[in-house]
PDB file of N, CA and C in Angstrom:
ATOM      1  N   MET A   1      42.472 -14.833 -51.517  1.00  0.00           N
ATOM      2  CA  MET A   1      42.322 -15.095 -50.106  1.00  0.00           C
ATOM      3  C   MET A   1      42.629 -16.573 -49.842  1.00  0.00           C
ATOM      4  N   LEU A   2      43.359 -16.813 -48.831  1.00  0.00           N
ATOM      5  CA  LEU A   2      43.772 -18.170 -48.512  1.00  0.00           C
ATOM      6  C   LEU A   2      42.661 -19.022 -47.907  1.00  0.00           C
ATOM      7  N   PHE A   3      41.846 -18.453 -47.060  1.00  0.00           N
ATOM      8  CA  PHE A   3      40.881 -19.240 -46.294  1.00  0.00           C
ATOM      9  C   PHE A   3      39.444 -18.984 -46.723  1.00  0.00           C
ATOM     10  N   ARG A   4      39.214 -18.660 -47.975  1.00  0.00           N
ATOM     11  CA  ARG A   4      37.838 -18.416 -48.417  1.00  0.00           C
ATOM     12  C   ARG A   4      37.076 -19.738 -48.536  1.00  0.00           C
ATOM     13  N   LYS A   5      35.778 -19.662 -48.476  1.00  0.00           N
ATOM     14  CA  LYS A   5      34.928 -20.855 -48.468  1.00  0.00           C
ATOM     15  C   LYS A   5      34.765 -21.471 -49.855  1.00  0.00           C
ATOM     16  N   ASN A   6      34.758 -20.651 -50.908  1.00  0.00           N
ATOM     17  CA  ASN A   6      34.493 -21.160 -52.253  1.00  0.00           C
ATOM     18  C   ASN A   6      35.784 -21.306 -53.058  1.00  0.00           C
ATOM     19  N   VAL A   7      36.675 -22.151 -52.588  1.00  0.00           N
ATOM     20  CA  VAL A   7      37.946 -22.394 -53.264  1.00  0.00           C
ATOM     21  C   VAL A   7      37.723 -23.385 -54.408  1.00  0.00           C
ATOM     22  N   ALA A   8      38.503 -23.226 -55.491  1.00  0.00           N
ATOM     23  CA  ALA A   8      38.401 -24.153 -56.615  1.00  0.00           C
ATOM     24  C   ALA A   8      38.858 -25.544 -56.174  1.00  0.00           C
ATOM     25  N   LYS A   9      38.107 -26.550 -56.507  1.00  0.00           N
ATOM     26  CA  LYS A   9      38.379 -27.914 -56.034  1.00  0.00           C
ATOM     27  C   LYS A   9      39.319 -28.631 -57.001  1.00  0.00           C
ATOM     28  N   PHE A  10      40.594 -28.282 -56.953  1.00  0.00           N
ATOM     29  CA  PHE A  10      41.622 -28.906 -57.770  1.00  0.00           C
ATOM     30  C   PHE A  10      42.505 -29.766 -56.890  1.00  0.00           C
ATOM     31  N   CYS A  11      43.089 -30.796 -57.476  1.00  0.00           N
ATOM     32  CA  CYS A  11      43.991 -31.673 -56.732  1.00  0.00           C
ATOM     33  C   CYS A  11      45.221 -30.930 -56.233  1.00  0.00           C
ATOM     34  N   ALA A  12      45.569 -29.830 -56.854  1.00  0.00           N
ATOM     35  CA  ALA A  12      46.728 -29.050 -56.414  1.00  0.00           C
ATOM     36  C   ALA A  12      46.529 -28.497 -55.010  1.00  0.00           C
ATOM     37  N   TYR A  13      45.282 -28.367 -54.547  1.00  0.00           N
ATOM     38  CA  TYR A  13      44.979 -27.821 -53.224  1.00  0.00           C
ATOM     39  C   TYR A  13      44.409 -28.874 -52.279  1.00  0.00           C
ATOM     40  N   CYS A  14      44.513 -30.143 -52.616  1.00  0.00           N
ATOM     41  CA  CYS A  14      43.868 -31.208 -51.847  1.00  0.00           C
ATOM     42  C   CYS A  14      44.823 -31.846 -50.836  1.00  0.00           C
ATOM     43  N   VAL A  15      44.276 -32.307 -49.734  1.00  0.00           N
ATOM     44  CA  VAL A  15      45.040 -32.977 -48.689  1.00  0.00           C
ATOM     45  C   VAL A  15      45.574 -34.322 -49.187  1.00  0.00           C
ATOM     46  N   HIS A  16      44.823 -34.997 -50.033  1.00  0.00           N
ATOM     47  CA  HIS A  16      45.170 -36.344 -50.473  1.00  0.00           C
ATOM     48  C   HIS A  16      46.203 -36.370 -51.591  1.00  0.00           C
ATOM     49  N   ALA A  17      46.522 -35.236 -52.200  1.00  0.00           N
ATOM     50  CA  ALA A  17      47.402 -35.200 -53.372  1.00  0.00           C
ATOM     51  C   ALA A  17      48.783 -34.674 -53.010  1.00  0.00           C
ATOM     52  N   GLY A  18      49.769 -35.160 -53.733  1.00  0.00           N
ATOM     53  CA  GLY A  18      51.146 -34.705 -53.600  1.00  0.00           C
ATOM     54  C   GLY A  18      51.703 -34.394 -54.973  1.00  0.00           C
ATOM     55  N   LYS A  19      52.617 -33.437 -55.062  1.00  0.00           N
ATOM     56  CA  LYS A  19      53.151 -33.005 -56.349  1.00  0.00           C
ATOM     57  C   LYS A  19      54.241 -33.956 -56.821  1.00  0.00           C
ATOM     58  N   THR A  20      54.219 -34.264 -58.114  1.00  0.00           N
ATOM     59  CA  THR A  20      55.287 -35.026 -58.756  1.00  0.00           C
ATOM     60  C   THR A  20      55.876 -34.148 -59.854  1.00  0.00           C
ATOM     61  N   ALA A  21      56.579 -34.704 -60.780  1.00  0.00           N
ATOM     62  CA  ALA A  21      57.238 -33.941 -61.844  1.00  0.00           C
ATOM     63  C   ALA A  21      56.218 -33.271 -62.757  1.00  0.00           C
ATOM     64  N   GLY A  22      56.470 -32.022 -63.070  1.00  0.00           N
ATOM     65  CA  GLY A  22      55.634 -31.294 -64.024  1.00  0.00           C
ATOM     66  C   GLY A  22      54.271 -30.943 -63.483  1.00  0.00           C
ATOM     67  N   ASP A  23      53.252 -31.187 -64.297  1.00  0.00           N
ATOM     68  CA  ASP A  23      51.868 -30.826 -63.968  1.00  0.00           C
ATOM     69  C   ASP A  23      51.128 -31.982 -63.299  1.00  0.00           C
ATOM     70  N   GLN A  24      51.809 -33.067 -63.007  1.00  0.00           N
ATOM     71  CA  GLN A  24      51.163 -34.257 -62.464  1.00  0.00           C
ATOM     72  C   GLN A  24      51.099 -34.221 -60.939  1.00  0.00           C
ATOM     73  N   MET A  25      50.073 -34.833 -60.393  1.00  0.00           N
ATOM     74  CA  MET A  25      49.895 -35.005 -58.959  1.00  0.00           C
ATOM     75  C   MET A  25      49.676 -36.492 -58.704  1.00  0.00           C
ATOM     76  N   ILE A  26      50.058 -36.950 -57.528  1.00  0.00           N
ATOM     77  CA  ILE A  26      49.740 -38.322 -57.144  1.00  0.00           C
ATOM     78  C   ILE A  26      48.758 -38.246 -55.980  1.00  0.00           C
ATOM     79  N   CYS A  27      47.623 -38.840 -56.191  1.00  0.00           N
ATOM     80  CA  CYS A  27      46.530 -38.806 -55.219  1.00  0.00           C
ATOM     81  C   CYS A  27      46.457 -40.152 -54.511  1.00  0.00           C
ATOM     82  N   SER A  28      46.251 -40.129 -53.213  1.00  0.00           N
ATOM     83  CA  SER A  28      46.130 -41.382 -52.467  1.00  0.00           C
ATOM     84  C   SER A  28      44.809 -42.095 -52.768  1.00  0.00           C
ATOM     85  N   LYS A  29      43.868 -41.395 -53.377  1.00  0.00           N
ATOM     86  CA  LYS A  29      42.565 -41.986 -53.691  1.00  0.00           C
ATOM     87  C   LYS A  29      42.420 -42.338 -55.170  1.00  0.00           C
ATOM     88  N   CYS A  30      42.999 -41.513 -56.082  1.00  0.00           N
ATOM     89  CA  CYS A  30      42.787 -41.705 -57.525  1.00  0.00           C
ATOM     90  C   CYS A  30      44.044 -42.103 -58.293  1.00  0.00           C
ATOM     91  N   GLY A  31      45.214 -42.047 -57.685  1.00  0.00           N
ATOM     92  CA  GLY A  31      46.445 -42.377 -58.396  1.00  0.00           C
ATOM     93  C   GLY A  31      47.050 -41.152 -59.055  1.00  0.00           C
ATOM     94  N   PHE A  32      47.696 -41.329 -60.221  1.00  0.00           N
ATOM     95  CA  PHE A  32      48.301 -40.211 -60.939  1.00  0.00           C
ATOM     96  C   PHE A  32      47.230 -39.442 -61.703  1.00  0.00           C
ATOM     97  N   VAL A  33      47.148 -38.141 -61.440  1.00  0.00           N
ATOM     98  CA  VAL A  33      46.166 -37.268 -62.092  1.00  0.00           C
ATOM     99  C   VAL A  33      46.835 -35.935 -62.411  1.00  0.00           C
ATOM    100  N   SER A  34      46.178 -35.117 -63.231  1.00  0.00           N
ATOM    101  CA  SER A  34      46.698 -33.779 -63.509  1.00  0.00           C
ATOM    102  C   SER A  34      46.370 -32.862 -62.343  1.00  0.00           C
ATOM    103  N   SER A  35      47.034 -31.721 -62.269  1.00  0.00           N
ATOM    104  CA  SER A  35      46.839 -30.827 -61.123  1.00  0.00           C
ATOM    105  C   SER A  35      45.476 -30.149 -61.121  1.00  0.00           C
ATOM    106  N   ASP A  36      44.789 -30.111 -62.278  1.00  0.00           N
ATOM    107  CA  ASP A  36      43.455 -29.504 -62.309  1.00  0.00           C
ATOM    108  C   ASP A  36      42.336 -30.543 -62.220  1.00  0.00           C
ATOM    109  N   HIS A  37      42.674 -31.775 -61.898  1.00  0.00           N
ATOM    110  CA  HIS A  37      41.685 -32.838 -61.699  1.00  0.00           C
ATOM    111  C   HIS A  37      40.901 -32.558 -60.415  1.00  0.00           C
ATOM    112  N   ASN A  38      39.651 -32.963 -60.365  1.00  0.00           N
ATOM    113  CA  ASN A  38      38.871 -32.849 -59.136  1.00  0.00           C
ATOM    114  C   ASN A  38      38.008 -34.092 -58.953  1.00  0.00           C
ATOM    115  N   CYS A  39      37.735 -34.407 -57.695  1.00  0.00           N
ATOM    116  CA  CYS A  39      36.887 -35.554 -57.388  1.00  0.00           C
ATOM    117  C   CYS A  39      36.068 -35.242 -56.138  1.00  0.00           C
ATOM    118  N   PHE A  40      35.184 -36.144 -55.771  1.00  0.00           N
ATOM    119  CA  PHE A  40      34.294 -35.890 -54.636  1.00  0.00           C
ATOM    120  C   PHE A  40      34.989 -36.073 -53.296  1.00  0.00           C
ATOM    121  N   ARG A  41      36.220 -36.596 -53.284  1.00  0.00           N
ATOM    122  CA  ARG A  41      36.970 -36.780 -52.038  1.00  0.00           C
ATOM    123  C   ARG A  41      37.819 -35.572 -51.682  1.00  0.00           C
ATOM    124  N   PHE A  42      37.633 -34.475 -52.381  1.00  0.00           N
ATOM    125  CA  PHE A  42      38.447 -33.277 -52.184  1.00  0.00           C
ATOM    126  C   PHE A  42      38.327 -32.738 -50.762  1.00  0.00           C
ATOM    127  N   ARG A  43      39.492 -32.478 -50.137  1.00  0.00           N
ATOM    128  CA  ARG A  43      39.563 -31.786 -48.842  1.00  0.00           C
ATOM    129  C   ARG A  43      40.617 -30.710 -48.972  1.00  0.00           C
ATOM    130  N   TYR A  44      40.232 -29.480 -48.719  1.00  0.00           N
ATOM    131  CA  TYR A  44      41.094 -28.319 -48.924  1.00  0.00           C
ATOM    132  C   TYR A  44      42.228 -28.275 -47.911  1.00  0.00           C
ATOM    133  N   ASP A  45      43.442 -28.019 -48.393  1.00  0.00           N
ATOM    134  CA  ASP A  45      44.616 -27.828 -47.558  1.00  0.00           C
ATOM    135  C   ASP A  45      45.154 -26.426 -47.831  1.00  0.00           C
ATOM    136  N   PRO A  46      44.945 -25.462 -46.930  1.00  0.00           N
ATOM    137  CA  PRO A  46      45.359 -24.077 -47.194  1.00  0.00           C
ATOM    138  C   PRO A  46      46.871 -23.905 -47.294  1.00  0.00           C
ATOM    139  N   LEU A  47      47.656 -24.839 -46.783  1.00  0.00           N
ATOM    140  CA  LEU A  47      49.106 -24.707 -46.857  1.00  0.00           C
ATOM    141  C   LEU A  47      49.655 -25.030 -48.241  1.00  0.00           C
ATOM    142  N   LYS A  48      48.879 -25.648 -49.101  1.00  0.00           N
ATOM    143  CA  LYS A  48      49.327 -25.943 -50.458  1.00  0.00           C
ATOM    144  C   LYS A  48      49.072 -24.800 -51.421  1.00  0.00           C
ATOM    145  N   ARG A  49      48.339 -23.819 -51.014  1.00  0.00           N
ATOM    146  CA  ARG A  49      48.009 -22.692 -51.877  1.00  0.00           C
ATOM    147  C   ARG A  49      49.039 -21.590 -51.716  1.00  0.00           C
ATOM    148  N   THR A  50      49.531 -21.051 -52.821  1.00  0.00           N
ATOM    149  CA  THR A  50      50.474 -19.935 -52.765  1.00  0.00           C
ATOM    150  C   THR A  50      49.709 -18.667 -53.116  1.00  0.00           C
ATOM    151  N   PRO A  51      49.696 -17.672 -52.234  1.00  0.00           N
ATOM    152  CA  PRO A  51      48.947 -16.451 -52.510  1.00  0.00           C
ATOM    153  C   PRO A  51      49.617 -15.632 -53.604  1.00  0.00           C
ATOM    154  N   SER A  52      48.819 -14.876 -54.319  1.00  0.00           N
ATOM    155  CA  SER A  52      49.366 -14.014 -55.367  1.00  0.00           C
ATOM    156  C   SER A  52      50.084 -12.834 -54.726  1.00  0.00           C
ATOM    157  N   ARG A  53      51.082 -12.331 -55.419  1.00  0.00           N
ATOM    158  CA  ARG A  53      51.862 -11.207 -54.903  1.00  0.00           C
ATOM    159  C   ARG A  53      51.091  -9.915 -55.102  1.00  0.00           C
ATOM    160  N   LEU A  54      51.215  -9.019 -54.138  1.00  0.00           N
ATOM    161  CA  LEU A  54      50.597  -7.709 -54.250  1.00  0.00           C
ATOM    162  C   LEU A  54      51.403  -6.838 -55.192  1.00  0.00           C
ATOM    163  N   ASN A  55      50.711  -5.969 -55.911  1.00  0.00           N
ATOM    164  CA  ASN A  55      51.401  -5.043 -56.800  1.00  0.00           C
ATOM    165  C   ASN A  55      52.098  -3.969 -55.984  1.00  0.00           C
ATOM    166  N   ALA A  56      53.229  -3.527 -56.471  1.00  0.00           N
ATOM    167  CA  ALA A  56      53.973  -2.467 -55.797  1.00  0.00           C
ATOM    168  C   ALA A  56      53.202  -1.143 -55.911  1.00  0.00           C
ATOM    169  N   LYS A  57      53.237  -0.351 -54.856  1.00  0.00           N
ATOM    170  CA  LYS A  57      52.554   0.942 -54.852  1.00  0.00           C
ATOM    171  C   LYS A  57      53.302   1.922 -55.742  1.00  0.00           C
ATOM    172  N   ASP A  58      52.554   2.771 -56.422  1.00  0.00           N
ATOM    173  CA  ASP A  58      53.145   3.772 -57.309  1.00  0.00           C
ATOM    174  C   ASP A  58      53.167   5.118 -56.581  1.00  0.00           C
ATOM    175  N   PHE A  59      54.353   5.534 -56.152  1.00  0.00           N
ATOM    176  CA  PHE A  59      54.511   6.794 -55.452  1.00  0.00           C
ATOM    177  C   PHE A  59      55.040   7.888 -56.368  1.00  0.00           C
ATOM    178  N   SER A  60      55.066   7.682 -57.660  1.00  0.00           N
ATOM    179  CA  SER A  60      55.630   8.670 -58.575  1.00  0.00           C
ATOM    180  C   SER A  60      54.755   9.924 -58.696  1.00  0.00           C
ATOM    181  N   LYS A  61      53.485   9.827 -58.360  1.00  0.00           N
ATOM    182  CA  LYS A  61      52.609  10.997 -58.465  1.00  0.00           C
ATOM    183  C   LYS A  61      52.784  11.963 -57.285  1.00  0.00           C
ATOM    184  N   PHE A  62      53.522  11.560 -56.256  1.00  0.00           N
ATOM    185  CA  PHE A  62      53.791  12.435 -55.110  1.00  0.00           C
ATOM    186  C   PHE A  62      55.133  13.125 -55.276  1.00  0.00           C
ATOM    187  N   ASP A  63      55.258  14.288 -54.661  1.00  0.00           N
ATOM    188  CA  ASP A  63      56.550  14.974 -54.668  1.00  0.00           C
ATOM    189  C   ASP A  63      57.065  15.062 -53.231  1.00  0.00           C
ATOM    190  N   ASP A  64      58.233  15.676 -53.035  1.00  0.00           N
ATOM    191  CA  ASP A  64      58.877  15.731 -51.720  1.00  0.00           C
ATOM    192  C   ASP A  64      58.027  16.478 -50.688  1.00  0.00           C
ATOM    193  N   ALA A  65      57.226  17.446 -51.130  1.00  0.00           N
ATOM    194  CA  ALA A  65      56.408  18.222 -50.198  1.00  0.00           C
ATOM    195  C   ALA A  65      55.330  17.332 -49.542  1.00  0.00           C
ATOM    196  N   ASP A  66      54.903  16.318 -50.211  1.00  0.00           N
ATOM    197  CA  ASP A  66      53.897  15.423 -49.639  1.00  0.00           C
ATOM    198  C   ASP A  66      54.443  14.582 -48.488  1.00  0.00           C
ATOM    199  N   PHE A  67      55.763  14.398 -48.439  1.00  0.00           N
ATOM    200  CA  PHE A  67      56.365  13.574 -47.424  1.00  0.00           C
ATOM    201  C   PHE A  67      57.094  14.363 -46.346  1.00  0.00           C
ATOM    202  N   SER A  68      56.925  15.657 -46.336  1.00  0.00           N
ATOM    203  CA  SER A  68      57.573  16.482 -45.306  1.00  0.00           C
ATOM    204  C   SER A  68      56.546  16.933 -44.272  1.00  0.00           C
ATOM    205  N   LEU A  69      57.052  17.244 -43.088  1.00  0.00           N
ATOM    206  CA  LEU A  69      56.162  17.710 -42.018  1.00  0.00           C
ATOM    207  C   LEU A  69      56.137  19.191 -41.929  1.00  0.00           C
TER     208      LEU A  69
END
């Protein structure tokens, strides 16, 4: 969920951090840190979070009669 209250407090999701090369983030408060770093200045930015993809539905158990009127 994108807007849940109990989000993990990582720099990858923080307003103050920006992505650099690899696993590194640059924080306006702490400098260069890893993406799983956390600090007390954390502020959640929902636009930095990428939601997980939904699994494709399995329709193989249905036959043509299930989809006809």
